[in-house]
C-alpha atoms as a PDB file:
ATOM      1  CA  MET A   1     -62.197  66.701  95.829  1.00  0.00           C
ATOM      2  CA  THR A   2     -58.558  65.632  95.002  1.00  0.00           C
ATOM      3  CA  ASP A   3     -55.827  65.059  97.608  1.00  0.00           C
ATOM      4  CA  GLN A   4     -53.876  68.206  98.512  1.00  0.00           C
ATOM      5  CA  GLN A   5     -50.505  68.384  96.935  1.00  0.00           C
ATOM      6  CA  ARG A   6     -47.561  67.755  99.330  1.00  0.00           C
ATOM      7  CA  THR A   7     -45.128  70.686  99.378  1.00  0.00           C
ATOM      8  CA  PRO A   8     -41.679  69.475  98.304  1.00  0.00           C
ATOM      9  CA  CYS A   9     -38.702  69.817 100.659  1.00  0.00           C
ATOM     10  CA  ALA A  10     -35.003  70.110 100.087  1.00  0.00           C
ATOM     11  CA  ALA A  11     -34.393  66.324 100.163  1.00  0.00           C
ATOM     12  CA  ASP A  12     -36.573  65.985  97.102  1.00  0.00           C
ATOM     13  CA  PHE A  13     -34.388  68.048  94.769  1.00  0.00           C
ATOM     14  CA  MET A  14     -31.082  68.821  96.378  1.00  0.00           C
ATOM     15  CA  ASN A  15     -27.907  67.993  94.704  1.00  0.00           C
ATOM     16  CA  ARG A  16     -26.282  65.077  96.797  1.00  0.00           C
ATOM     17  CA  HIS A  17     -23.009  64.925  94.837  1.00  0.00           C
ATOM     18  CA  VAL A  18     -21.208  68.138  96.039  1.00  0.00           C
ATOM     19  CA  GLU A  19     -17.671  69.134  95.313  1.00  0.00           C
ATOM     20  CA  VAL A  20     -16.152  70.272  98.601  1.00  0.00           C
ATOM     21  CA  VAL A  21     -13.027  72.157  99.764  1.00  0.00           C
ATOM     22  CA  THR A  22     -11.043  72.070 102.938  1.00  0.00           C
ATOM     23  CA  GLN A  23      -9.818  74.970 105.162  1.00  0.00           C
ATOM     24  CA  GLU A  24      -6.197  74.193 104.384  1.00  0.00           C
ATOM     25  CA  MET A  25      -6.366  75.008 100.625  1.00  0.00           C
ATOM     26  CA  THR A  26      -4.499  78.015  99.486  1.00  0.00           C
ATOM     27  CA  LEU A  27      -6.196  80.814  97.678  1.00  0.00           C
ATOM     28  CA  THR A  28      -4.755  79.587  94.304  1.00  0.00           C
ATOM     29  CA  GLU A  29      -5.894  76.098  95.010  1.00  0.00           C
ATOM     30  CA  VAL A  30      -9.485  77.145  95.731  1.00  0.00           C
ATOM     31  CA  ILE A  31      -9.548  79.444  92.711  1.00  0.00           C
ATOM     32  CA  ARG A  32      -8.365  76.611  90.481  1.00  0.00           C
ATOM     33  CA  PHE A  33     -10.929  74.155  92.094  1.00  0.00           C
ATOM     34  CA  LEU A  34     -13.794  76.539  91.400  1.00  0.00           C
ATOM     35  CA  LEU A  35     -12.675  77.019  87.804  1.00  0.00           C
ATOM     36  CA  LYS A  36     -11.974  73.376  87.179  1.00  0.00           C
ATOM     37  CA  HIS A  37     -15.371  72.291  88.538  1.00  0.00           C
ATOM     38  CA  LYS A  38     -17.273  75.188  87.033  1.00  0.00           C
ATOM     39  CA  VAL A  39     -18.883  76.143  90.336  1.00  0.00           C
ATOM     40  CA  SER A  40     -19.342  79.558  91.756  1.00  0.00           C
ATOM     41  CA  ASN A  41     -18.869  78.419  95.469  1.00  0.00           C
ATOM     42  CA  ALA A  42     -18.165  75.362  97.498  1.00  0.00           C
ATOM     43  CA  PRO A  43     -18.807  74.042 100.979  1.00  0.00           C
ATOM     44  CA  VAL A  44     -15.859  74.004 103.268  1.00  0.00           C
ATOM     45  CA  VAL A  45     -15.726  70.754 105.267  1.00  0.00           C
ATOM     46  CA  GLU A  46     -13.757  68.823 107.866  1.00  0.00           C
ATOM     47  CA  HIS A  47     -13.559  65.125 107.522  1.00  0.00           C
ATOM     48  CA  GLN A  48     -14.854  63.285 110.711  1.00  0.00           C
ATOM     49  CA  ASP A  49     -15.526  59.610 110.752  1.00  0.00           C
ATOM     50  CA  GLU A  50     -15.718  59.570 106.925  1.00  0.00           C
ATOM     51  CA  LYS A  51     -18.466  62.245 107.082  1.00  0.00           C
ATOM     52  CA  HIS A  52     -18.266  65.910 105.683  1.00  0.00           C
ATOM     53  CA  MET A  53     -18.839  68.314 108.673  1.00  0.00           C
ATOM     54  CA  LEU A  54     -19.669  71.745 107.327  1.00  0.00           C
ATOM     55  CA  VAL A  55     -17.478  74.525 108.645  1.00  0.00           C
ATOM     56  CA  GLY A  56     -18.065  77.271 106.092  1.00  0.00           C
ATOM     57  CA  PHE A  57     -18.726  78.290 102.588  1.00  0.00           C
ATOM     58  CA  VAL A  58     -16.317  79.816 100.005  1.00  0.00           C
ATOM     59  CA  SER A  59     -17.404  81.720  96.863  1.00  0.00           C
ATOM     60  CA  GLU A  60     -15.991  83.290  93.824  1.00  0.00           C
ATOM     61  CA  ARG A  61     -16.765  86.586  95.443  1.00  0.00           C
ATOM     62  CA  ASP A  62     -14.594  85.627  98.502  1.00  0.00           C
ATOM     63  CA  CYS A  63     -11.790  84.660  96.119  1.00  0.00           C
ATOM     64  CA  LEU A  64     -12.083  87.780  93.961  1.00  0.00           C
ATOM     65  CA  SER A  65     -11.887  89.930  97.109  1.00  0.00           C
ATOM     66  CA  ALA A  66      -8.893  88.179  98.571  1.00  0.00           C
ATOM     67  CA  LEU A  67      -7.066  87.944  95.261  1.00  0.00           C
ATOM     68  CA  SER A  68      -7.640  91.715  94.307  1.00  0.00           C
ATOM     69  CA  ASN A  69      -6.588  92.728  97.779  1.00  0.00           C
ATOM     70  CA  GLU A  70      -3.431  90.498  97.533  1.00  0.00           C
ATOM     71  CA  LEU A  71      -2.494  91.959  94.101  1.00  0.00           C
ATOM     72  CA  PHE A  72      -3.256  95.586  95.078  1.00  0.00           C
ATOM     73  CA  PHE A  73      -1.752  95.598  98.645  1.00  0.00           C
ATOM     74  CA  GLY A  74       0.846  92.838  98.347  1.00  0.00           C
ATOM     75  CA  ASN A  75       1.217  89.370  99.785  1.00  0.00           C
ATOM     76  CA  PRO A  76      -0.442  88.973 103.092  1.00  0.00           C
ATOM     77  CA  SER A  77       1.401  87.259 105.911  1.00  0.00           C
ATOM     78  CA  PRO A  78       0.492  84.481 106.520  1.00  0.00           C
ATOM     79  CA  ALA A  79      -0.722  83.558 103.071  1.00  0.00           C
ATOM     80  CA  GLN A  80      -4.455  83.455 102.387  1.00  0.00           C
ATOM     81  CA  THR A  81      -6.260  80.108 102.738  1.00  0.00           C
ATOM     82  CA  VAL A  82      -9.803  78.993 102.578  1.00  0.00           C
ATOM     83  CA  ARG A  83      -9.930  79.335 106.358  1.00  0.00           C
ATOM     84  CA  THR A  84      -9.063  83.068 106.049  1.00  0.00           C
ATOM     85  CA  ILE A  85     -11.430  84.028 103.216  1.00  0.00           C
ATOM     86  CA  MET A  86     -14.524  81.639 103.785  1.00  0.00           C
ATOM     87  CA  SER A  87     -17.791  82.551 105.279  1.00  0.00           C
ATOM     88  CA  ALA A  88     -17.993  80.675 108.545  1.00  0.00           C
ATOM     89  CA  HIS A  89     -21.467  79.620 109.880  1.00  0.00           C
ATOM     90  CA  PRO A  90     -23.231  80.009 106.505  1.00  0.00           C
ATOM     91  CA  ILE A  91     -27.037  79.950 106.338  1.00  0.00           C
ATOM     92  CA  CYS A  92     -28.076  76.257 106.013  1.00  0.00           C
ATOM     93  CA  ILE A  93     -31.208  74.356 105.647  1.00  0.00           C
ATOM     94  CA  SER A  94     -32.249  70.801 106.638  1.00  0.00           C
ATOM     95  CA  PRO A  95     -33.395  68.115 104.258  1.00  0.00           C
ATOM     96  CA  GLU A  96     -36.952  68.718 105.564  1.00  0.00           C
ATOM     97  CA  THR A  97     -37.020  72.471 104.797  1.00  0.00           C
ATOM     98  CA  GLU A  98     -40.077  73.111 102.658  1.00  0.00           C
ATOM     99  CA  LEU A  99     -39.900  74.672  99.233  1.00  0.00           C
ATOM    100  CA  PHE A 100     -41.433  78.007 100.125  1.00  0.00           C
ATOM    101  CA  SER A 101     -39.099  78.460 103.165  1.00  0.00           C
ATOM    102  CA  ILE A 102     -36.149  77.866 100.863  1.00  0.00           C
ATOM    103  CA  VAL A 103     -37.467  80.385  98.286  1.00  0.00           C
ATOM    104  CA  SER A 104     -37.828  82.930 100.967  1.00  0.00           C
ATOM    105  CA  ILE A 105     -34.325  82.472 102.227  1.00  0.00           C
ATOM    106  CA  PHE A 106     -32.916  82.720  98.555  1.00  0.00           C
ATOM    107  CA  VAL A 107     -34.931  85.962  97.925  1.00  0.00           C
ATOM    108  CA  SER A 108     -34.312  87.592 101.294  1.00  0.00           C
ATOM    109  CA  HIS A 109     -30.580  86.984 101.327  1.00  0.00           C
ATOM    110  CA  HIS A 110     -29.709  87.127  97.644  1.00  0.00           C
ATOM    111  CA  LEU A 111     -28.044  83.806  97.744  1.00  0.00           C
ATOM    112  CA  ARG A 112     -27.156  81.420  94.885  1.00  0.00           C
ATOM    113  CA  HIS A 113     -26.680  78.186  96.807  1.00  0.00           C
ATOM    114  CA  LEU A 114     -27.616  76.714 100.212  1.00  0.00           C
ATOM    115  CA  PRO A 115     -25.968  73.881 101.927  1.00  0.00           C
ATOM    116  CA  VAL A 116     -28.232  71.203 103.262  1.00  0.00           C
ATOM    117  CA  VAL A 117     -27.078  70.048 106.688  1.00  0.00           C
ATOM    118  CA  GLU A 118     -28.263  67.486 109.146  1.00  0.00           C
ATOM    119  CA  ASN A 119     -26.656  67.274 112.660  1.00  0.00           C
ATOM    120  CA  GLY A 120     -23.666  69.270 111.323  1.00  0.00           C
ATOM    121  CA  ILE A 121     -23.125  66.824 108.388  1.00  0.00           C
ATOM    122  CA  LEU A 122     -23.327  68.162 104.758  1.00  0.00           C
ATOM    123  CA  MET A 123     -26.050  66.218 103.010  1.00  0.00           C
ATOM    124  CA  GLY A 124     -26.184  68.189  99.756  1.00  0.00           C
ATOM    125  CA  ILE A 125     -26.632  71.591  98.301  1.00  0.00           C
ATOM    126  CA  VAL A 126     -29.489  73.472  96.701  1.00  0.00           C
ATOM    127  CA  SER A 127     -29.139  76.059  93.965  1.00  0.00           C
ATOM    128  CA  ARG A 128     -31.392  78.711  92.688  1.00  0.00           C
ATOM    129  CA  HIS A 129     -31.644  76.747  89.488  1.00  0.00           C
ATOM    130  CA  GLU A 130     -32.962  73.667  91.392  1.00  0.00           C
ATOM    131  CA  ILE A 131     -35.242  75.867  93.325  1.00  0.00           C
ATOM    132  CA  LEU A 132     -36.680  77.485  90.131  1.00  0.00           C
ATOM    133  CA  ALA A 133     -37.217  74.033  88.667  1.00  0.00           C
ATOM    134  CA  ALA A 134     -38.976  72.778  91.759  1.00  0.00           C
ATOM    135  CA  MET A 135     -41.111  75.888  91.963  1.00  0.00           C
ATOM    136  CA  GLU A 136     -42.187  75.504  88.216  1.00  0.00           C
ATOM    137  CA  THR A 137     -43.028  71.867  88.693  1.00  0.00           C
ATOM    138  CA  TYR A 138     -45.061  72.645  91.810  1.00  0.00           C
ATOM    139  CA  TYR A 139     -46.748  75.600  90.107  1.00  0.00           C
ATOM    140  CA  ASP A 140     -47.587  73.424  87.019  1.00  0.00           C
ATOM    141  CA  HIS A 141     -48.958  70.557  89.235  1.00  0.00           C
ATOM    142  CA  SER A 142     -51.090  73.215  91.187  1.00  0.00           C
ATOM    143  CA  LEU A 143     -52.493  74.606  88.073  1.00  0.00           C
ATOM    144  CA  HIS A 144     -53.304  71.130  86.831  1.00  0.00           C
ATOM    145  CA  ASN A 145     -55.029  70.231  90.103  1.00  0.00           C
ATOM    146  CA  GLN A 146     -57.012  73.489  90.106  1.00  0.00           C
ATOM    147  CA  GLU A 147     -58.276  72.872  86.547  1.00  0.00           C
ATOM    148  CA  HIS A 148     -59.058  69.242  87.436  1.00  0.00           C
ATOM    149  CA  GLU A 149     -60.950  70.462  90.537  1.00  0.00           C
ATOM    150  CA  ARG A 150     -62.826  73.096  88.515  1.00  0.00           C
ATOM    151  CA  LEU A 151     -63.832  70.443  85.999  1.00  0.00           C
ATOM    152  CA  LEU A 152     -65.064  68.187  88.746  1.00  0.00           C
ATOM    153  CA  ARG A 153     -66.959  71.042  90.379  1.00  0.00           C
ATOM    154  CA  ASP A 154     -68.562  71.945  86.965  1.00  0.00           C
ATOM    155  CA  THR A 155     -69.469  68.404  86.217  1.00  0.00           C
ATOM    156  CA  SER A 156     -70.909  67.763  89.765  1.00  0.00           C
ATOM    157  CA  GLN A 157     -73.066  70.906  89.515  1.00  0.00           C
ATOM    158  CA  SER A 158     -74.391  69.880  86.187  1.00  0.00           C
ATOM    159  CA  LEU A 159     -75.102  66.314  87.403  1.00  0.00           C
ATOM    160  CA  ASN A 160     -76.902  67.594  90.468  1.00  0.00           C
ATOM    161  CA  LEU A 161     -79.202  69.804  88.328  1.00  0.00           C
ATOM    162  CA  ARG A 162     -80.848  66.767  86.705  1.00  0.00           C
ATOM    163  CA  PHE A 163     -82.490  66.126  89.982  1.00  0.00           C
ATOM    164  CA  LEU A 164     -84.091  69.541  90.163  1.00  0.00           C
ATOM    165  CA  ILE A 165     -85.834  69.194  86.785  1.00  0.00           C
ATOM    166  CA  ASP A 166     -89.599  69.053  87.179  1.00  0.00           C
ATOM    167  CA  ARG A 167     -90.907  66.223  84.921  1.00  0.00           C
ATOM    168  CA  SER A 168     -94.585  66.976  85.414  1.00  0.00           C
END
């Protein structure tokens, strides 16, 4: 029998190079940031001891809502910032969270990205694209292992049959 395949975890495929924003950024600044970096959302962080402490998550949806409200109803007072439009306390995962748990979170909550956090520190981010690629790799490897095990089983059965042949 072959060794059982280890289930990948977030640390195996997360993006460690994450573009981040701060709570003080204005609505215009965060919109320009998302467009410039071609990302649909970004972690909101506070800098503490040269580490990024996650405080929220801001998305294109948050920006669209705030911008359309501002354009329709007029300028709010005080002006909109990341702090006023972000989702505080976003759903997070740890670097050790296994692939199937991450898939469950993505599917259940209709998310596109998940921050990977350890002790409040932003370690990376996982996207649906990365999860799909990891699942495909895992699936492909599982199919290969199943086929290999089937061939081993078939071979072992035929090898064992030679001892049952009566040579009299």
